[in-house]
Every structure is written in C-alpha cells, then in structure tokens.
Amino acid sequence: MPVNKLTGLTAISQVGNELKLTQAHIASLKEAGIVSLMQLQEILSVERHDFSFSYSNVSRALTTLCGDSLTARTVFMPIQPLTGVSPVACEKSATTHDERRRLEDRLEKAMKKITFPSEFSLGNDMPDVLDQGNFGACTGFATATTLEYLKSDNTSPGFAYRGGKLLDGLRCEGSFLRCCYQFLHEYGAVDTSTYSYQDCLDDRDITPLLPKAKKCRAQNYIDLKVSSHLMPDLLKATLTGTLLPKMSPRPVSVSVATYDCWNTYSAQCYGLIRMPLSSETRRGGHALTLVGWTSVDHVKYWILQNSWSERWATQSPVKPGYALIPEKYFSGELLWEAFVPLDV
C-alpha cells in the first residue's frame, strides 16, 4: 500500500497535545508496514503539515487504545538503536489470540516428546568471529553467519545488512532481522568478494548484484518468536535439528534488548551477560548468532557468537568473541526476534 494512500490517516484527530488513534488507523498503518514511532512521525509530518506531536503523545495514544496488549508492545516502540537493532519485534497481528493459543498447545505437546542434552554447541563448526566495528550492521552479521553455517560458503554480512535496509524503511543506522531474512528469501545473498564489508560501510548500491544474489536464496525461513514460555525448547529443537522432520542442526539469528549489563567488566572480558537490574537503562539492541547452551556455576546459559571480533570477551569460557547469556533472558520481552533459514 502506498504511504500516501493510508486509509483514514488524514482523519487522525488531535485534542490539545493528545492524539486520537483508532484500531482502523493502526490496522492501516501496519498493513503499510509502518511499525515504529519514527516511521509514524515521518509519515504524519508529510501528510499533516499542521500536525505537531512527539513520541510520547503517540505512545500515550497507543497505550490508551491498546492497553498492555501484545500489539502495543511489539509493533509500536520508539527507535533507539545502539549496536544495530531497532526495538521492534516481528509483527504477529494477523494471528488471533485463539489461533496463537492453539499453536502454542500443539508446540507444547511436540516439545514434550523431545529430550535435550544438558549441554550442546555448534561452536566448533561455526564460521570465524567477525568484526562489525562501530557500525550498527549486527543484523547482517547474524543473518550471514547463520546462512554461511548451512551452505558452507562465504557470505557477505554487509550485503545482508544493506538488503535489510532496503526493506526496513528507516533512515537511521540499524535494521531488523525480519527485514534481513525477508531480503534473503526474496533476493538472496552474495559472498564477500562480490560485496565486501567496506562496500557496506561506503553504502555501495546493491541493486546491480540482485540477479547474482538469486543463486543463493533461502526458499523459506521460520520466525521462532511464537511463545515466550516455549522459547527455550523451540530454540534447542532448532539448534539440534529436531524441530522439523529432516531438519539438520543449525544456529539461530536472534536480536535482544541491551542494558548496562552489557558494558560490565564481566561482559567485556568474559562475555558473561547477566539479567538487567530494574534500575538499569536500556541502551538499545543487538543481534547475535545463537549456537548452543551450557551451564556455568549451575546457571543455565545460551552460547552466542558475537560480531565484535575476538578482541571482545578474550577470556570467554567458550572461546574469544563468544557470549554467554542467561537462559531466562530469552523467555520474555528481552528477546525481540529469533529467525532461522530453511532450504538454502
């Protein structure tokens, strides 16, 4: 849907400094792919030149309309990228609560039939740890690393990131895993000799490479962010290759909210990320590649390959460049996205 054809957009009313939004407005916005307050602000600024507002009153209007519903939390959130992920989870509005409940019930029954080992890791078979530097391209790295594991061929993280940027509609640095995966599915990937990371940093146009990229498309991919309480089992089933028939083990691309706990000495030196304290400030988001799970001092951790080079977490219990994140971190709203490619 063209942005300038959004149903009812010009009918959005304002009383004082407060916005008045309806479910029809939200449905129209989501249908057009407007999933962030930044995008909404940009669109309204174009459509309604007399319209003055801020993130806060848009947020209040959405909260008044949606309350604490899943839609309000996951579809519309302020864009505050730090290390490359914009804090919006993949939209699930097309699925009703009843449908989600039935899906969760089926998954829960399936997961009960699977027994997982106490520890598991794909780390020894993973591509080398790369370095995204100070640029927020982590979604491209998490996508490319997962794909490279499956096809055993060099994959350009810069191309994956720029592909995501073509689809996300954001003018700021950083993107979404869902956009990178959508691009991988629709257009494909190339190797680093075709599109280097320096090409990405230089914002080299990727469109001339799209015909070549089609040779490496993901025929399908899975959004694993279905149910918070089932996430540990869903992730483990994917990692071990037991989620679907004839599915091989594979890493998972994930994005998470980051807090002050990512800047501690334990994090920087050992890659040990703890749960954030209630007093901590959210610093943004980050995408990594999930490769397994383990236990440290009787605490269950996920094992993740980071893209901050092997100079980060040099004394990691796994190996340099790898993070350990508490299992609980992935069981709530701190986990934003979890995707895995199929049929590469």
Protein backbone atom coordinates (compact mmCIF):
# COMPACT_ATOMS: atom_id res chain seq x y z
CA MET A 1 0.00 0.00 0.00
CA PRO A 2 1.45 3.38 -0.94
CA VAL A 3 2.09 5.51 2.10
CA ASN A 4 0.04 8.40 0.76
CA LYS A 5 -2.98 6.10 0.43
CA LEU A 6 -3.20 5.08 4.08
CA THR A 7 -6.83 4.59 5.00
CA GLY A 8 -8.10 7.21 7.38
CA LEU A 9 -4.69 8.73 8.05
CA THR A 10 -5.83 12.30 7.48
CA ALA A 11 -8.75 11.66 9.84
CA ILE A 12 -6.48 11.18 12.85
CA SER A 13 -7.52 13.89 15.26
CA GLN A 14 -5.66 15.80 17.91
CA VAL A 15 -7.12 17.29 21.08
CA GLY A 16 -4.64 19.71 22.61
CA ASN A 17 -1.34 17.81 22.63
CA GLU A 18 -3.02 14.40 22.57
CA LEU A 19 -3.50 12.14 19.55
CA LYS A 20 -6.69 10.21 18.93
CA LEU A 21 -5.95 6.90 17.20
CA THR A 22 -8.42 4.14 16.33
CA GLN A 23 -7.98 0.45 15.60
CA ALA A 24 -8.65 1.27 11.94
CA HIS A 25 -5.71 3.67 11.93
CA ILE A 26 -3.41 1.06 13.43
CA ALA A 27 -4.60 -1.65 11.03
CA SER A 28 -3.96 0.65 8.10
CA LEU A 29 -0.52 1.64 9.35
CA LYS A 30 0.52 -1.96 9.93
CA GLU A 31 -0.78 -3.00 6.54
CA ALA A 32 1.53 -0.41 5.03
CA GLY A 33 4.47 -1.65 7.09
CA ILE A 34 4.55 1.35 9.44
CA VAL A 35 5.78 -0.40 12.58
CA SER A 36 7.64 2.25 14.55
CA LEU A 37 7.02 5.62 16.10
CA MET A 38 9.79 7.09 13.99
CA GLN A 39 8.08 5.97 10.79
CA LEU A 40 4.72 7.19 12.06
CA GLN A 41 6.20 10.56 12.91
CA GLU A 42 7.75 10.87 9.44
CA ILE A 43 4.55 9.88 7.68
CA LEU A 44 2.32 12.21 9.66
CA SER A 45 4.77 15.06 9.20
CA VAL A 46 4.34 14.65 5.44
CA GLU A 47 0.59 14.03 5.43
CA ARG A 48 -0.37 16.58 8.07
CA HIS A 49 1.80 19.68 7.89
CA ASP A 50 -0.23 21.24 10.70
CA PHE A 51 0.32 18.22 12.92
CA SER A 52 2.69 18.76 15.86
CA PHE A 53 3.39 15.88 18.25
CA SER A 54 6.10 13.84 19.88
CA TYR A 55 6.91 10.18 20.51
CA SER A 56 5.43 10.49 23.98
CA ASN A 57 1.93 11.52 22.95
CA VAL A 58 1.85 8.92 20.14
CA SER A 59 2.87 6.34 22.72
CA ARG A 60 0.17 7.51 25.13
CA ALA A 61 -2.45 7.33 22.39
CA LEU A 62 -1.44 3.77 21.54
CA THR A 63 -1.41 2.76 25.20
CA THR A 64 -4.89 4.24 25.69
CA LEU A 65 -6.14 2.35 22.65
CA CYS A 66 -4.34 -0.98 23.11
CA GLY A 67 -3.62 -1.05 26.84
CA ASP A 68 -0.91 -3.57 27.65
CA SER A 69 -1.72 -5.75 24.66
CA LEU A 70 0.91 -7.61 22.69
CA THR A 71 0.30 -5.38 19.68
CA ALA A 72 1.03 -2.17 21.55
CA ARG A 73 4.27 -3.50 22.98
CA THR A 74 5.73 -5.26 19.96
CA VAL A 75 4.53 -3.31 16.98
CA PHE A 76 4.93 0.31 18.04
CA MET A 77 8.03 1.23 20.04
CA PRO A 78 10.49 4.16 19.93
CA ILE A 79 13.50 3.60 17.69
CA GLN A 80 16.63 3.73 19.85
CA PRO A 81 19.31 1.69 18.04
CA LEU A 82 22.65 1.37 19.83
CA THR A 83 24.50 -1.54 18.27
CA GLY A 84 22.30 -2.13 15.27
CA VAL A 85 18.86 -3.48 16.14
CA SER A 86 15.77 -1.31 16.23
CA PRO A 87 13.49 -2.44 19.11
CA VAL A 88 10.52 -3.79 17.21
CA ALA A 89 9.62 -7.45 17.28
CA CYS A 90 8.19 -9.22 14.24
CA GLU A 91 4.52 -8.34 13.81
CA LYS A 92 2.06 -11.09 14.64
CA SER A 93 -1.18 -9.12 14.45
CA ALA A 94 -2.62 -11.42 11.77
CA THR A 95 -2.79 -14.24 14.31
CA THR A 96 -5.65 -14.11 16.79
CA HIS A 97 -5.19 -14.97 20.44
CA ASP A 98 -7.20 -18.19 19.95
CA GLU A 99 -5.07 -19.22 16.98
CA ARG A 100 -1.90 -18.46 18.95
CA ARG A 101 -3.17 -20.48 21.87
CA ARG A 102 -3.89 -23.48 19.64
CA LEU A 103 -0.47 -23.17 18.04
CA GLU A 104 1.18 -22.98 21.46
CA ASP A 105 -0.71 -26.07 22.60
CA ARG A 106 0.48 -28.06 19.57
CA LEU A 107 4.05 -26.91 20.05
CA GLU A 108 3.97 -27.67 23.76
CA LYS A 109 2.85 -31.24 23.08
CA ALA A 110 5.56 -31.67 20.45
CA MET A 111 8.29 -30.30 22.72
CA LYS A 112 7.37 -32.74 25.50
CA LYS A 113 8.39 -35.59 23.20
CA ILE A 114 11.94 -34.28 22.80
CA THR A 115 14.73 -34.86 25.31
CA PHE A 116 17.60 -32.38 25.13
CA PRO A 117 21.16 -32.93 26.39
CA SER A 118 22.39 -30.84 29.34
CA GLU A 119 24.86 -29.07 27.04
CA PHE A 120 25.08 -28.57 23.30
CA SER A 121 27.10 -26.37 20.97
CA LEU A 122 27.68 -25.86 17.26
CA GLY A 123 30.61 -23.57 18.09
CA ASN A 124 33.35 -25.79 16.67
CA ASP A 125 31.69 -25.77 13.24
CA MET A 126 30.85 -22.07 13.12
CA PRO A 127 32.47 -19.57 10.75
CA ASP A 128 35.13 -17.29 12.25
CA VAL A 129 34.11 -14.45 14.55
CA LEU A 130 33.89 -11.24 12.52
CA ASP A 131 34.07 -7.58 13.47
CA GLN A 132 31.29 -5.13 12.64
CA GLY A 133 33.32 -2.26 14.12
CA ASN A 134 31.44 0.82 15.26
CA PHE A 135 28.76 0.47 12.59
CA GLY A 136 25.33 -0.94 13.51
CA ALA A 137 25.24 -3.78 10.99
CA CYS A 138 24.85 -6.60 13.51
CA THR A 139 21.61 -7.87 11.91
CA GLY A 140 23.53 -8.50 8.69
CA PHE A 141 26.25 -10.38 10.56
CA ALA A 142 23.77 -12.55 12.49
CA THR A 143 21.92 -13.38 9.26
CA ALA A 144 25.04 -14.07 7.16
CA THR A 145 26.71 -16.21 9.84
CA THR A 146 23.68 -18.48 10.12
CA LEU A 147 23.43 -18.82 6.35
CA GLU A 148 27.16 -19.47 5.99
CA TYR A 149 26.95 -22.31 8.50
CA LEU A 150 24.26 -24.02 6.43
CA LYS A 151 25.77 -23.65 2.96
CA SER A 152 29.46 -23.74 3.96
CA ASP A 153 30.20 -20.84 1.63
CA ASN A 154 31.47 -17.38 2.44
CA THR A 155 28.53 -14.97 2.88
CA SER A 156 28.63 -11.17 2.91
CA PRO A 157 27.23 -9.67 6.13
CA GLY A 158 27.36 -6.22 4.57
CA PHE A 159 25.13 -7.31 1.69
CA ALA A 160 22.66 -8.91 4.13
CA TYR A 161 22.55 -5.69 6.16
CA ARG A 162 22.09 -3.42 3.12
CA GLY A 163 19.36 -5.76 1.91
CA GLY A 164 17.56 -5.36 5.20
CA LYS A 165 17.92 -1.59 4.93
CA LEU A 166 16.18 -1.65 1.54
CA LEU A 167 13.12 -3.09 3.24
CA ASP A 168 13.02 -1.56 6.73
CA GLY A 169 12.09 1.99 5.74
CA LEU A 170 14.32 3.50 8.42
CA ARG A 171 16.67 6.42 7.84
CA CYS A 172 18.69 5.65 10.97
CA GLU A 173 21.51 3.15 11.39
CA GLY A 174 20.49 -0.39 12.31
CA SER A 175 17.81 -2.70 10.99
CA PHE A 176 15.60 -5.69 11.83
CA LEU A 177 16.40 -9.37 11.47
CA ARG A 178 12.98 -9.87 9.92
CA CYS A 179 13.93 -7.47 7.10
CA CYS A 180 17.28 -9.19 6.53
CA TYR A 181 15.54 -12.56 6.37
CA GLN A 182 12.81 -11.29 4.10
CA PHE A 183 15.50 -9.96 1.76
CA LEU A 184 17.40 -13.27 1.95
CA HIS A 185 14.19 -15.08 0.99
CA GLU A 186 13.14 -12.73 -1.81
CA TYR A 187 16.51 -11.72 -3.27
CA GLY A 188 19.30 -13.87 -1.82
CA ALA A 189 22.92 -13.37 -0.76
CA VAL A 190 26.42 -12.93 -2.22
CA ASP A 191 29.95 -13.59 -0.96
CA THR A 192 32.38 -11.04 0.43
CA SER A 193 34.44 -10.97 -2.76
CA THR A 194 31.35 -9.66 -4.54
CA TYR A 195 30.30 -7.23 -1.82
CA SER A 196 32.81 -6.54 0.94
CA TYR A 197 32.12 -5.05 4.33
CA GLN A 198 33.93 -1.92 3.19
CA ASP A 199 31.40 -1.73 0.35
CA CYS A 200 28.71 -1.78 3.02
CA LEU A 201 30.40 0.96 5.02
CA ASP A 202 30.69 3.01 1.83
CA ASP A 203 26.96 2.39 1.15
CA ARG A 204 27.67 0.88 -2.25
CA ASP A 205 24.46 0.20 -4.17
CA ILE A 206 23.49 -3.48 -4.02
CA THR A 207 20.77 -3.45 -6.68
CA PRO A 208 23.12 -4.35 -9.59
CA LEU A 209 24.02 -7.52 -7.66
CA LEU A 210 20.47 -8.77 -7.18
CA PRO A 211 20.49 -11.12 -10.22
CA LYS A 212 23.62 -12.83 -8.88
CA ALA A 213 22.19 -12.97 -5.36
CA LYS A 214 19.21 -15.05 -6.51
CA LYS A 215 21.53 -18.03 -6.85
CA CYS A 216 21.68 -18.15 -3.03
CA ARG A 217 18.16 -17.57 -1.81
CA ALA A 218 16.55 -19.05 1.28
CA GLN A 219 13.46 -20.84 -0.03
CA ASN A 220 11.85 -20.36 3.34
CA TYR A 221 12.57 -19.27 6.91
CA ILE A 222 11.00 -19.62 10.34
CA ASP A 223 10.06 -16.96 12.87
CA LEU A 224 10.58 -18.78 16.17
CA LYS A 225 9.19 -15.97 18.35
CA VAL A 226 5.87 -17.73 18.92
CA SER A 227 5.55 -18.22 22.67
CA SER A 228 7.71 -16.86 25.49
CA HIS A 229 7.38 -19.88 27.75
CA LEU A 230 8.21 -22.27 24.90
CA MET A 231 11.21 -20.31 23.61
CA PRO A 232 13.91 -22.39 25.34
CA ASP A 233 12.57 -25.63 23.88
CA LEU A 234 11.93 -24.15 20.44
CA LEU A 235 15.48 -22.78 20.27
CA LYS A 236 17.01 -26.04 21.48
CA ALA A 237 14.94 -28.05 18.99
CA THR A 238 16.18 -25.79 16.18
CA LEU A 239 19.80 -25.96 17.27
CA THR A 240 19.71 -29.77 17.48
CA GLY A 241 17.73 -30.19 14.26
CA THR A 242 14.72 -31.82 15.91
CA LEU A 243 12.19 -29.04 15.32
CA LEU A 244 11.03 -30.39 11.95
CA PRO A 245 11.38 -33.72 10.11
CA LYS A 246 14.57 -33.95 8.01
CA MET A 247 15.85 -30.72 9.57
CA SER A 248 19.57 -30.57 10.26
CA PRO A 249 21.14 -28.80 13.27
CA ARG A 250 21.59 -25.08 12.66
CA PRO A 251 22.30 -21.82 14.53
CA VAL A 252 19.62 -19.19 15.10
CA SER A 253 19.77 -15.45 14.43
CA VAL A 254 18.46 -13.55 17.46
CA SER A 255 18.09 -9.93 18.50
CA VAL A 256 17.85 -8.79 22.10
CA ALA A 257 17.43 -5.67 24.18
CA THR A 258 20.71 -4.43 25.65
CA TYR A 259 21.17 -2.75 29.02
CA ASP A 260 24.02 -1.52 31.20
CA CYS A 261 24.83 -5.16 31.97
CA TRP A 262 26.41 -5.42 28.51
CA ASN A 263 29.06 -2.88 29.48
CA THR A 264 30.35 -4.55 32.65
CA TYR A 265 33.87 -5.94 33.05
CA SER A 266 32.46 -9.49 33.12
CA ALA A 267 30.80 -8.86 29.78
CA GLN A 268 33.75 -7.20 28.10
CA CYS A 269 36.35 -9.67 29.37
CA TYR A 270 34.46 -12.96 29.75
CA GLY A 271 31.37 -12.46 27.58
CA LEU A 272 29.16 -13.10 30.62
CA ILE A 273 25.92 -11.16 30.29
CA ARG A 274 23.67 -11.09 33.34
CA MET A 275 19.99 -10.21 33.60
CA PRO A 276 19.49 -6.42 33.73
CA LEU A 277 18.59 -4.81 37.04
CA SER A 278 15.37 -2.83 37.39
CA SER A 279 17.41 0.36 37.80
CA GLU A 280 19.36 -0.14 34.57
CA THR A 281 18.77 1.84 31.40
CA ARG A 282 18.05 0.17 28.11
CA ARG A 283 20.89 1.07 25.74
CA GLY A 284 19.38 -0.25 22.53
CA GLY A 285 19.51 -3.66 20.90
CA HIS A 286 21.93 -6.13 19.36
CA ALA A 287 21.78 -9.15 17.04
CA LEU A 288 23.90 -12.25 17.57
CA THR A 289 24.04 -15.88 16.43
CA LEU A 290 22.80 -18.50 18.89
CA VAL A 291 24.90 -21.68 18.69
CA GLY A 292 24.10 -23.69 21.82
CA TRP A 293 23.61 -23.82 25.56
CA THR A 294 25.63 -24.74 28.66
CA SER A 295 25.84 -24.21 32.43
CA VAL A 296 28.28 -22.08 34.40
CA ASP A 297 28.22 -22.38 38.22
CA HIS A 298 24.82 -24.10 37.94
CA VAL A 299 23.38 -21.21 35.92
CA LYS A 300 21.94 -22.12 32.51
CA TYR A 301 23.33 -20.01 29.67
CA TRP A 302 22.83 -19.65 25.96
CA ILE A 303 26.03 -19.66 23.87
CA LEU A 304 26.18 -16.97 21.21
CA GLN A 305 28.71 -15.89 18.62
CA ASN A 306 29.08 -12.11 18.67
CA SER A 307 30.29 -9.83 15.87
CA TRP A 308 32.59 -7.63 17.94
CA SER A 309 35.78 -9.53 16.93
CA GLU A 310 37.86 -11.90 19.06
CA ARG A 311 39.23 -8.89 20.92
CA TRP A 312 35.91 -8.84 22.79
CA ALA A 313 35.46 -11.47 25.53
CA THR A 314 39.02 -12.69 25.13
CA GLN A 315 38.62 -14.89 28.23
CA SER A 316 35.19 -16.29 27.38
CA PRO A 317 34.58 -19.77 28.86
CA VAL A 318 33.63 -20.84 25.31
CA LYS A 319 36.21 -19.06 23.13
CA PRO A 320 37.10 -15.46 22.29
CA GLY A 321 34.27 -13.46 20.77
CA TYR A 322 31.51 -15.61 22.26
CA ALA A 323 28.87 -14.50 24.78
CA LEU A 324 27.03 -16.39 27.48
CA ILE A 325 23.53 -15.06 28.19
CA PRO A 326 21.23 -16.46 30.92
CA GLU A 327 18.50 -18.77 29.62
CA LYS A 328 15.91 -16.52 31.27
CA TYR A 329 16.98 -13.63 29.03
CA PHE A 330 15.25 -15.36 26.10
CA SER A 331 11.99 -16.15 27.90
CA GLY A 332 10.40 -12.70 27.88
CA GLU A 333 10.42 -9.33 26.21
CA LEU A 334 14.22 -9.06 26.29
CA LEU A 335 14.28 -11.37 23.26
CA TRP A 336 12.97 -9.41 20.29
CA GLU A 337 13.47 -11.71 17.30
CA ALA A 338 14.56 -15.27 16.50
CA PHE A 339 14.85 -16.44 12.89
CA VAL A 340 16.34 -19.43 11.11
CA PRO A 341 16.59 -20.15 7.35
CA LEU A 342 15.29 -23.30 5.69
CA ASP A 343 16.03 -24.91 2.33
CA VAL A 344 19.05 -22.83 1.42
